Amino acid sequence: MRILLITPYYFPYINPRAHRWTSIAEEWAKNGHEIHVICSKRNDLPNLSQHNNVTIHRTGYNSLKEVFYNLFKSKKRRGEAQTSQSKTLKRSRLMTFMVWFNEVFWKKFYFPDDACVWYFPARKKAIYLLNKYEFNAFVSVSLPFSAHLVGLYCKKQFPKIHWLVDVGDPFSLQFNHPLNNHFLYKNLNVRLEKKVFEKADSISVTTDGTKKLYEQYFQNFENKIHVIPPLLKLNSNEKLPFDLSLDSSKIHIGYFGSFFKNVREPDIFLELLKKTFELNLDLKNKLVIHFFGDITEYFLMIFERYSVIEKNIKLHGLIPREAISDVMSQMNFLLNISNQSNFQIPSKSVDYMASGKPIINICSIEDDLFKQFFEEYDLIENILLTEKNISKETVKSFKNFIEKNNGQVTDNESLKKGITPFLTPQIAQKYLDIFT
């Protein structure tokens, strides 16, 4: 098969969509399929290249922020890994200005999301490629939703080619974390997403919760929607580009992932940590919490408010996806801070499962999907926190779990069985089955 993939985020960009679809595209190419990818350009990479037998076409910038990064030749770009150890994430004047401009002006007016600047370059490249080659299918990937608008335009021009809409996160139904100005665009968001669903030949989502959400608000698309779960790519345990220099006398807890306002925020866990240290000075001298992921300006300010525990917090920034397994193996515990919704699950969930490490899951709702995902996992402590007034009983449960499970790992045989459905070959085949 010849397949066109439309996604602004692709290797070497670091985020869940880039990781998932780079793995799938390369798996398809390895099995003899011809794969072309349209993604955003980078000044340090050629506009046309091949990587692991996948042909990559780079065009346009994926956001106004990316335009700024390249215009001012910033040393650190969005979606790039840290190349050195960092105990704090310092804010540059350029970053401060970009955050201010984005929050005060640009975010209030862009449509449908901040990738709108990528729409026209991507659309032009897609039409060129669809005219040049005979594709069996094309796939548009969100977020950002702008990729689906490119797909919608292509479907109008080439109605006979199978169009798969892959939804990593809902667009118009993001009630807690709107992706644009809902006051201006709420109704238009719904109409556009319904239009995309109407014209698409098939739709894929990662959880049953997302499927149920769409079935609740969108009618007559049930037969189009396929649930394809998170992906786990087994890798060669690439090492970090810097040394973590972990103190073996300490207990190290690792959090992997980003934060999103009103969806997944760190302050409730920081409150638990602060309360725990107030009641248990011995733990304050032992625990080190490592955060691996992109910490935006907004969340950096939240961390700064907890200066009383700053010596226990290490912010490392983004790390190469291939190094995650190695870093997880160095942690004593893994930390998850769950979404405040019951239809999304962090993409790192399967990586956490594959680690075999004891997991601390901070959730804010009873029907937490991460908790459900790990129902048969025997080394997990689910801590329900709905307010910042942390009880002594909650602190005790947190403390007891750490003291009881430090150094433990889950059974290897049950682990292998649990992760098999999420491996790249199985996930890639599920998508191919949709086309055939």
Protein backbone atom coordinates (compact mmCIF):
# COMPACT_ATOMS: atom_id res chain seq x y z
CA MET A 1 0.00 0.00 0.00
CA ARG A 2 0.99 3.61 -0.52
CA ILE A 3 -0.09 5.80 2.42
CA LEU A 4 0.19 9.53 3.06
CA LEU A 5 0.47 10.71 6.66
CA ILE A 6 -0.47 14.32 7.53
CA THR A 7 0.84 15.41 10.91
CA PRO A 8 2.86 18.50 11.89
CA TYR A 9 4.66 16.52 14.60
CA TYR A 10 7.04 13.79 13.44
CA PHE A 11 10.54 12.54 14.29
CA PRO A 12 12.70 14.03 15.78
CA TYR A 13 9.95 16.09 17.44
CA ILE A 14 9.17 14.80 20.95
CA ASN A 15 5.50 14.49 21.86
CA PRO A 16 2.99 11.61 22.00
CA ARG A 17 1.67 12.06 18.44
CA ALA A 18 5.16 12.21 16.95
CA HIS A 19 6.27 9.11 18.83
CA ARG A 20 3.18 7.08 17.96
CA TRP A 21 3.07 7.87 14.28
CA THR A 22 6.81 7.72 13.68
CA SER A 23 6.72 4.18 15.10
CA ILE A 24 3.69 3.18 13.01
CA ALA A 25 5.01 4.71 9.77
CA GLU A 26 8.37 2.98 10.18
CA GLU A 27 6.67 -0.34 10.99
CA TRP A 28 4.58 -0.06 7.82
CA ALA A 29 7.66 0.82 5.76
CA LYS A 30 9.57 -2.12 7.25
CA ASN A 31 6.79 -4.41 6.02
CA GLY A 32 7.03 -3.15 2.43
CA HIS A 33 4.49 -0.32 2.32
CA GLU A 34 5.39 3.02 0.72
CA ILE A 35 4.93 5.76 3.30
CA HIS A 36 5.06 9.53 2.76
CA VAL A 37 4.80 11.98 5.66
CA ILE A 38 3.92 15.69 5.53
CA CYS A 39 5.12 17.42 8.69
CA SER A 40 6.40 20.81 9.78
CA LYS A 41 9.82 21.98 8.69
CA ARG A 42 12.93 22.57 10.74
CA ASN A 43 15.79 24.80 9.71
CA ASP A 44 18.30 22.14 10.78
CA LEU A 45 16.79 19.40 8.55
CA PRO A 46 16.22 19.11 4.78
CA ASN A 47 12.72 19.65 3.44
CA LEU A 48 12.85 16.27 1.69
CA SER A 49 14.54 13.26 3.26
CA GLN A 50 14.20 9.58 4.10
CA HIS A 51 14.37 8.08 7.57
CA ASN A 52 14.03 4.32 8.08
CA ASN A 53 12.50 3.98 4.58
CA VAL A 54 9.84 6.65 5.24
CA THR A 55 9.84 9.63 2.85
CA ILE A 56 9.48 12.86 4.86
CA HIS A 57 8.24 16.11 3.31
CA ARG A 58 8.77 19.10 5.62
CA THR A 59 6.87 22.31 4.97
CA GLY A 60 5.66 25.28 7.02
CA TYR A 61 6.07 25.85 10.75
CA ASN A 62 3.76 24.07 13.19
CA SER A 63 2.96 27.19 15.25
CA LEU A 64 3.69 30.87 15.66
CA LYS A 65 5.96 29.91 18.55
CA GLU A 66 8.02 27.81 16.17
CA VAL A 67 8.26 30.79 13.81
CA PHE A 68 9.63 32.83 16.73
CA TYR A 69 12.12 30.13 17.66
CA ASN A 70 13.52 30.03 14.14
CA LEU A 71 13.32 33.79 13.58
CA PHE A 72 15.38 34.49 16.68
CA LYS A 73 17.46 31.32 16.26
CA SER A 74 16.70 30.17 19.78
CA LYS A 75 19.00 27.39 21.01
CA LYS A 76 16.07 25.50 22.53
CA ARG A 77 13.06 24.70 20.37
CA ARG A 78 9.68 23.19 21.14
CA GLY A 79 9.73 19.42 21.14
CA GLU A 80 13.50 19.09 21.54
CA ALA A 81 15.29 17.07 24.18
CA GLN A 82 17.57 18.55 26.79
CA THR A 83 21.24 18.03 25.94
CA SER A 84 22.55 18.74 29.42
CA GLN A 85 21.51 18.30 33.02
CA SER A 86 19.34 21.09 34.42
CA LYS A 87 18.09 21.51 37.96
CA THR A 88 15.78 24.37 37.05
CA LEU A 89 14.28 25.58 33.78
CA LYS A 90 15.37 29.17 33.39
CA ARG A 91 13.11 31.53 31.48
CA SER A 92 14.63 33.58 28.69
CA ARG A 93 13.34 37.01 27.68
CA LEU A 94 12.29 35.56 24.34
CA MET A 95 10.33 32.79 26.06
CA THR A 96 8.67 35.28 28.40
CA PHE A 97 7.65 37.47 25.46
CA MET A 98 6.32 34.52 23.47
CA VAL A 99 4.23 33.28 26.39
CA TRP A 100 2.87 36.79 26.98
CA PHE A 101 2.02 37.33 23.31
CA ASN A 102 0.48 33.86 23.03
CA GLU A 103 -1.70 34.23 26.15
CA VAL A 104 -2.70 37.90 25.80
CA PHE A 105 -3.29 38.14 22.06
CA TRP A 106 -2.64 35.22 19.72
CA LYS A 107 -4.44 32.55 21.77
CA LYS A 108 -7.63 34.63 21.83
CA PHE A 109 -7.96 34.80 18.06
CA TYR A 110 -6.23 31.88 16.31
CA PHE A 111 -8.42 29.26 14.67
CA PRO A 112 -8.76 26.32 14.90
CA ASP A 113 -5.56 26.09 16.97
CA ASP A 114 -1.98 27.38 17.03
CA ALA A 115 -1.06 25.15 14.07
CA CYS A 116 -3.21 27.25 11.73
CA VAL A 117 0.00 28.77 10.32
CA TRP A 118 0.86 25.26 9.03
CA TYR A 119 -2.45 24.72 7.24
CA PHE A 120 -1.76 26.32 3.84
CA PRO A 121 1.82 25.01 3.35
CA ALA A 122 0.66 21.52 4.38
CA ARG A 123 -2.40 21.65 2.14
CA LYS A 124 -0.33 22.71 -0.86
CA LYS A 125 2.17 19.90 -0.30
CA ALA A 126 -0.59 17.32 0.23
CA ILE A 127 -2.37 18.20 -3.02
CA TYR A 128 0.95 18.08 -4.88
CA LEU A 129 1.72 14.59 -3.55
CA LEU A 130 -1.80 13.27 -4.11
CA ASN A 131 -1.59 14.40 -7.74
CA LYS A 132 1.88 12.91 -8.17
CA TYR A 133 1.30 9.47 -6.59
CA GLU A 134 -1.58 7.02 -6.49
CA PHE A 135 -2.23 6.67 -2.75
CA ASN A 136 -4.41 3.94 -1.30
CA ALA A 137 -5.13 5.98 1.84
CA PHE A 138 -4.20 9.11 3.70
CA VAL A 139 -4.22 9.71 7.46
CA SER A 140 -4.59 13.01 9.29
CA VAL A 141 -3.52 13.14 12.93
CA SER A 142 -4.67 15.36 15.78
CA LEU A 143 -3.96 17.19 17.86
CA PRO A 144 -3.65 19.75 16.28
CA PHE A 145 -7.04 19.79 14.59
CA SER A 146 -5.54 21.84 11.72
CA ALA A 147 -4.23 18.56 10.31
CA HIS A 148 -7.81 17.32 9.87
CA LEU A 149 -8.74 20.49 8.00
CA VAL A 150 -5.91 19.68 5.59
CA GLY A 151 -7.38 16.18 5.32
CA LEU A 152 -10.87 17.56 4.75
CA TYR A 153 -9.66 19.68 1.84
CA CYS A 154 -7.82 16.69 0.36
CA LYS A 155 -10.91 14.48 0.66
CA LYS A 156 -12.94 17.01 -1.33
CA GLN A 157 -10.34 16.93 -4.10
CA PHE A 158 -9.77 13.15 -3.98
CA PRO A 159 -13.03 11.60 -2.71
CA LYS A 160 -12.17 8.03 -3.73
CA ILE A 161 -9.07 7.76 -1.52
CA HIS A 162 -9.68 6.32 1.96
CA TRP A 163 -9.31 9.01 4.64
CA LEU A 164 -8.59 7.95 8.20
CA VAL A 165 -9.01 10.59 10.92
CA ASP A 166 -6.85 9.71 13.92
CA VAL A 167 -7.97 11.54 17.08
CA GLY A 168 -5.40 11.65 19.85
CA ASP A 169 -7.52 14.15 21.80
CA PRO A 170 -11.02 15.49 21.04
CA PHE A 171 -11.24 18.97 19.57
CA SER A 172 -14.65 20.56 20.15
CA LEU A 173 -15.40 18.46 23.25
CA GLN A 174 -12.40 19.62 25.30
CA PHE A 175 -14.56 21.34 27.89
CA ASN A 176 -11.89 21.74 30.60
CA HIS A 177 -9.11 22.66 28.22
CA PRO A 178 -10.53 24.51 25.19
CA LEU A 179 -8.12 24.59 22.29
CA ASN A 180 -9.21 28.01 21.09
CA ASN A 181 -11.52 30.84 22.15
CA HIS A 182 -14.80 29.03 22.93
CA PHE A 183 -16.68 32.30 23.26
CA LEU A 184 -15.94 33.03 19.60
CA TYR A 185 -15.66 29.57 18.09
CA LYS A 186 -17.54 27.00 20.21
CA ASN A 187 -20.35 26.37 17.69
CA LEU A 188 -17.99 26.50 14.73
CA ASN A 189 -15.69 23.97 16.45
CA VAL A 190 -18.56 21.50 16.77
CA ARG A 191 -19.74 22.01 13.19
CA LEU A 192 -16.25 21.54 11.80
CA GLU A 193 -15.47 18.42 13.81
CA LYS A 194 -18.82 16.92 12.78
CA LYS A 195 -18.02 17.78 9.16
CA VAL A 196 -14.67 16.02 9.43
CA PHE A 197 -16.37 12.94 10.92
CA GLU A 198 -19.01 13.01 8.20
CA LYS A 199 -16.51 13.08 5.33
CA ALA A 200 -13.97 10.69 6.87
CA ASP A 201 -14.09 7.05 5.81
CA SER A 202 -12.94 5.93 9.25
CA ILE A 203 -12.02 7.42 12.63
CA SER A 204 -9.62 6.09 15.26
CA VAL A 205 -9.41 7.01 18.96
CA THR A 206 -7.24 5.62 21.76
CA THR A 207 -9.82 4.91 24.48
CA ASP A 208 -13.35 3.59 24.87
CA GLY A 209 -14.03 6.74 26.88
CA THR A 210 -13.33 8.94 23.86
CA LYS A 211 -15.53 6.75 21.66
CA LYS A 212 -18.40 7.00 24.16
CA LEU A 213 -17.92 10.78 24.39
CA TYR A 214 -18.31 11.15 20.62
CA GLU A 215 -21.29 8.79 20.56
CA GLN A 216 -22.92 10.93 23.26
CA TYR A 217 -22.50 14.25 21.42
CA PHE A 218 -22.16 13.21 17.76
CA GLN A 219 -24.78 10.97 16.16
CA ASN A 220 -24.53 8.37 13.37
CA PHE A 221 -20.76 7.88 13.43
CA GLU A 222 -20.61 4.83 15.72
CA ASN A 223 -19.71 2.39 12.95
CA LYS A 224 -16.83 4.58 11.78
CA ILE A 225 -15.04 4.84 15.12
CA HIS A 226 -12.31 2.32 15.97
CA VAL A 227 -10.56 2.13 19.35
CA ILE A 228 -6.81 1.56 18.93
CA PRO A 229 -5.00 1.76 22.29
CA PRO A 230 -1.74 3.48 23.29
CA LEU A 231 1.45 2.23 21.68
CA LEU A 232 4.57 0.80 23.29
CA LYS A 233 7.75 0.77 21.25
CA LEU A 234 10.41 -1.52 22.64
CA ASN A 235 13.74 0.19 22.12
CA SER A 236 17.44 -0.33 22.63
CA ASN A 237 17.58 1.62 25.88
CA GLU A 238 19.42 4.60 24.45
CA LYS A 239 21.25 6.51 27.14
CA LEU A 240 20.57 10.10 28.13
CA PRO A 241 22.78 12.82 26.62
CA PHE A 242 23.62 13.82 30.21
CA ASP A 243 24.31 11.98 33.46
CA LEU A 244 21.50 12.00 36.03
CA SER A 245 24.06 11.41 38.79
CA LEU A 246 21.49 9.81 41.08
CA ASP A 247 22.33 9.56 44.76
CA SER A 248 21.87 5.87 45.63
CA SER A 249 21.04 6.74 49.23
CA LYS A 250 17.88 8.58 48.08
CA ILE A 251 14.49 7.30 46.88
CA HIS A 252 13.87 8.55 43.35
CA ILE A 253 10.36 9.07 41.94
CA GLY A 254 10.01 9.88 38.23
CA TYR A 255 7.20 11.69 36.44
CA PHE A 256 7.20 11.51 32.62
CA GLY A 257 5.03 13.81 30.53
CA SER A 258 3.71 17.34 30.20
CA PHE A 259 1.06 19.32 32.05
CA PHE A 260 -2.05 21.04 30.69
CA LYS A 261 -4.12 23.68 32.40
CA ASN A 262 -7.42 22.33 33.81
CA VAL A 263 -6.54 18.86 32.52
CA ARG A 264 -3.41 17.68 34.30
CA GLU A 265 -1.64 19.97 36.77
CA PRO A 266 1.16 19.34 39.30
CA ASP A 267 0.04 21.48 42.24
CA ILE A 268 -2.19 18.87 43.92
CA PHE A 269 0.75 16.44 44.10
CA LEU A 270 3.07 19.20 45.30
CA GLU A 271 0.61 19.87 48.11
CA LEU A 272 0.70 16.18 49.06
CA LEU A 273 4.49 16.25 49.02
CA LYS A 274 4.62 19.39 51.14
CA LYS A 275 2.20 17.93 53.70
CA THR A 276 4.11 14.64 53.77
CA PHE A 277 7.38 16.39 54.52
CA GLU A 278 5.76 18.44 57.29
CA LEU A 279 4.72 15.22 59.03
CA ASN A 280 7.72 13.07 58.05
CA LEU A 281 11.08 14.80 58.14
CA ASP A 282 12.84 11.51 57.38
CA LEU A 283 11.12 11.32 53.97
CA LYS A 284 12.05 14.94 53.24
CA ASN A 285 15.68 13.86 53.53
CA LYS A 286 15.17 10.81 51.29
CA LEU A 287 12.73 11.61 48.47
CA VAL A 288 13.76 13.18 45.16
CA ILE A 289 11.04 13.81 42.56
CA HIS A 290 12.23 14.00 38.94
CA PHE A 291 10.03 15.62 36.27
CA PHE A 292 10.87 14.67 32.68
CA GLY A 293 8.87 16.64 30.13
CA ASP A 294 8.15 20.07 28.75
CA ILE A 295 7.45 22.51 31.61
CA THR A 296 5.78 25.61 30.19
CA GLU A 297 6.03 29.09 31.68
CA TYR A 298 2.66 28.74 33.40
CA PHE A 299 3.59 25.54 35.23
CA LEU A 300 7.11 26.72 35.97
CA MET A 301 5.51 29.48 38.05
CA ILE A 302 3.50 26.86 39.96
CA PHE A 303 6.68 24.99 40.83
CA GLU A 304 8.27 28.23 41.97
CA ARG A 305 5.48 28.68 44.54
CA TYR A 306 6.69 25.53 46.31
CA SER A 307 10.15 26.80 47.15
CA VAL A 308 9.93 25.08 50.55
CA ILE A 309 10.39 21.72 48.81
CA GLU A 310 12.50 22.85 45.85
CA LYS A 311 15.51 20.80 47.01
CA ASN A 312 13.43 17.67 46.53
CA ILE A 313 12.35 18.64 42.98
CA LYS A 314 14.43 18.17 39.81
CA LEU A 315 13.13 19.52 36.48
CA HIS A 316 14.89 17.89 33.56
CA GLY A 317 12.91 19.05 30.51
CA LEU A 318 12.25 16.82 27.49
CA ILE A 319 14.39 13.72 27.02
CA PRO A 320 14.74 11.51 23.91
CA ARG A 321 11.87 9.03 23.67
CA GLU A 322 14.37 6.20 23.14
CA ALA A 323 15.98 6.98 26.51
CA ILE A 324 12.78 6.79 28.57
CA SER A 325 13.07 3.06 29.29
CA ASP A 326 16.61 3.53 30.60
CA VAL A 327 15.62 6.47 32.80
CA MET A 328 12.57 4.67 34.18
CA SER A 329 14.79 1.73 35.13
CA GLN A 330 16.82 4.10 37.34
CA MET A 331 13.76 5.28 39.28
CA ASN A 332 12.52 3.58 42.45
CA PHE A 333 8.92 4.66 41.73
CA LEU A 334 6.99 6.16 38.83
CA LEU A 335 4.49 8.98 39.34
CA ASN A 336 1.38 9.61 37.30
CA ILE A 337 -0.84 12.66 37.72
CA SER A 338 -4.05 11.71 35.95
CA ASN A 339 -6.29 13.77 33.70
CA GLN A 340 -9.34 15.46 35.15
CA SER A 341 -11.43 13.82 32.43
CA ASN A 342 -12.75 10.27 32.04
CA PHE A 343 -12.05 9.92 28.32
CA GLN A 344 -8.28 10.44 28.04
CA ILE A 345 -5.35 8.39 29.19
CA PRO A 346 -1.69 9.49 29.09
CA SER A 347 0.24 7.95 26.20
CA LYS A 348 3.00 6.99 28.65
CA SER A 349 0.67 4.53 30.41
CA VAL A 350 2.01 1.50 28.55
CA ASP A 351 5.60 2.62 29.19
CA TYR A 352 4.79 2.71 32.90
CA MET A 353 3.34 -0.79 32.67
CA ALA A 354 6.36 -2.12 30.78
CA SER A 355 8.73 -0.76 33.42
CA GLY A 356 7.43 -3.11 36.09
CA LYS A 357 8.06 -0.39 38.66
CA PRO A 358 5.74 0.53 41.55
CA ILE A 359 3.45 3.38 40.47
CA ILE A 360 1.91 6.25 42.43
CA ASN A 361 -1.23 7.47 40.64
CA ILE A 362 -2.69 10.81 41.72
CA CYS A 363 -6.28 11.04 40.47
CA SER A 364 -9.01 13.64 40.89
CA ILE A 365 -12.05 11.64 39.72
CA GLU A 366 -13.47 8.26 40.76
CA ASP A 367 -13.70 6.84 37.22
CA ASP A 368 -10.05 7.56 36.45
CA LEU A 369 -8.98 5.82 33.21
CA PHE A 370 -5.37 5.34 34.34
CA LYS A 371 -6.64 3.54 37.44
CA GLN A 372 -8.85 1.31 35.26
CA PHE A 373 -6.00 0.64 32.85
CA PHE A 374 -3.89 -0.73 35.73
CA GLU A 375 -6.64 -2.77 37.42
CA GLU A 376 -4.60 -5.98 37.21
CA TYR A 377 -1.25 -4.35 38.02
CA ASP A 378 -0.20 -5.31 41.54
CA LEU A 379 2.24 -2.46 42.30
CA ILE A 380 0.10 0.67 42.13
CA GLU A 381 -1.24 3.08 44.74
CA ASN A 382 -4.21 5.14 43.55
CA ILE A 383 -4.54 8.32 45.63
CA LEU A 384 -7.74 10.30 45.09
CA LEU A 385 -7.16 14.00 45.71
CA THR A 386 -10.02 16.39 45.04
CA GLU A 387 -8.83 19.36 47.09
CA LYS A 388 -5.60 20.79 48.46
CA ASN A 389 -6.56 20.10 52.07
CA ILE A 390 -4.59 16.83 52.35
CA SER A 391 -5.62 14.52 55.20
CA LYS A 392 -3.22 12.72 57.52
CA GLU A 393 -4.70 9.40 56.33
CA THR A 394 -3.77 10.21 52.73
CA VAL A 395 -0.23 11.12 53.77
CA LYS A 396 0.02 7.86 55.71
CA SER A 397 -1.09 5.80 52.67
CA PHE A 398 1.45 7.58 50.48
CA LYS A 399 4.24 7.03 53.02
CA ASN A 400 3.35 3.37 53.63
CA PHE A 401 3.31 2.55 49.91
CA ILE A 402 6.79 4.02 49.48
CA GLU A 403 8.22 2.23 52.49
CA LYS A 404 6.64 -1.11 51.56
CA ASN A 405 7.44 -1.15 47.83
CA ASN A 406 10.84 0.50 47.49
CA GLY A 407 12.91 -1.81 45.28
CA GLN A 408 9.96 -3.98 44.18
CA VAL A 409 9.16 -4.98 40.58
CA THR A 410 6.13 -6.76 39.15
CA ASP A 411 6.13 -10.37 37.94
CA ASN A 412 7.91 -10.67 34.58
CA GLU A 413 5.58 -13.24 32.97
CA SER A 414 2.39 -11.33 33.73
CA LEU A 415 4.15 -8.17 32.52
CA LYS A 416 4.93 -9.68 29.10
CA LYS A 417 1.34 -10.80 28.72
CA GLY A 418 0.03 -7.38 29.69
CA ILE A 419 2.06 -5.33 27.21
CA THR A 420 1.75 -7.55 24.10
CA PRO A 421 -1.42 -5.89 22.69
CA PHE A 422 0.29 -2.48 22.80
CA LEU A 423 3.46 -3.32 20.88
CA THR A 424 4.14 -1.49 17.62
CA PRO A 425 3.49 -4.42 15.20
CA GLN A 426 0.07 -5.09 16.73
CA ILE A 427 -0.95 -1.42 16.75
CA ALA A 428 0.31 -0.82 13.20
CA GLN A 429 -1.66 -3.84 11.96
CA LYS A 430 -4.85 -2.58 13.60
CA TYR A 431 -4.63 0.55 11.45
CA LEU A 432 -3.93 -1.45 8.29
CA ASP A 433 -6.98 -3.62 9.01
CA ILE A 434 -9.11 -0.49 8.75
CA PHE A 435 -7.95 0.11 5.17
CA THR A 436 -8.48 -3.47 3.97
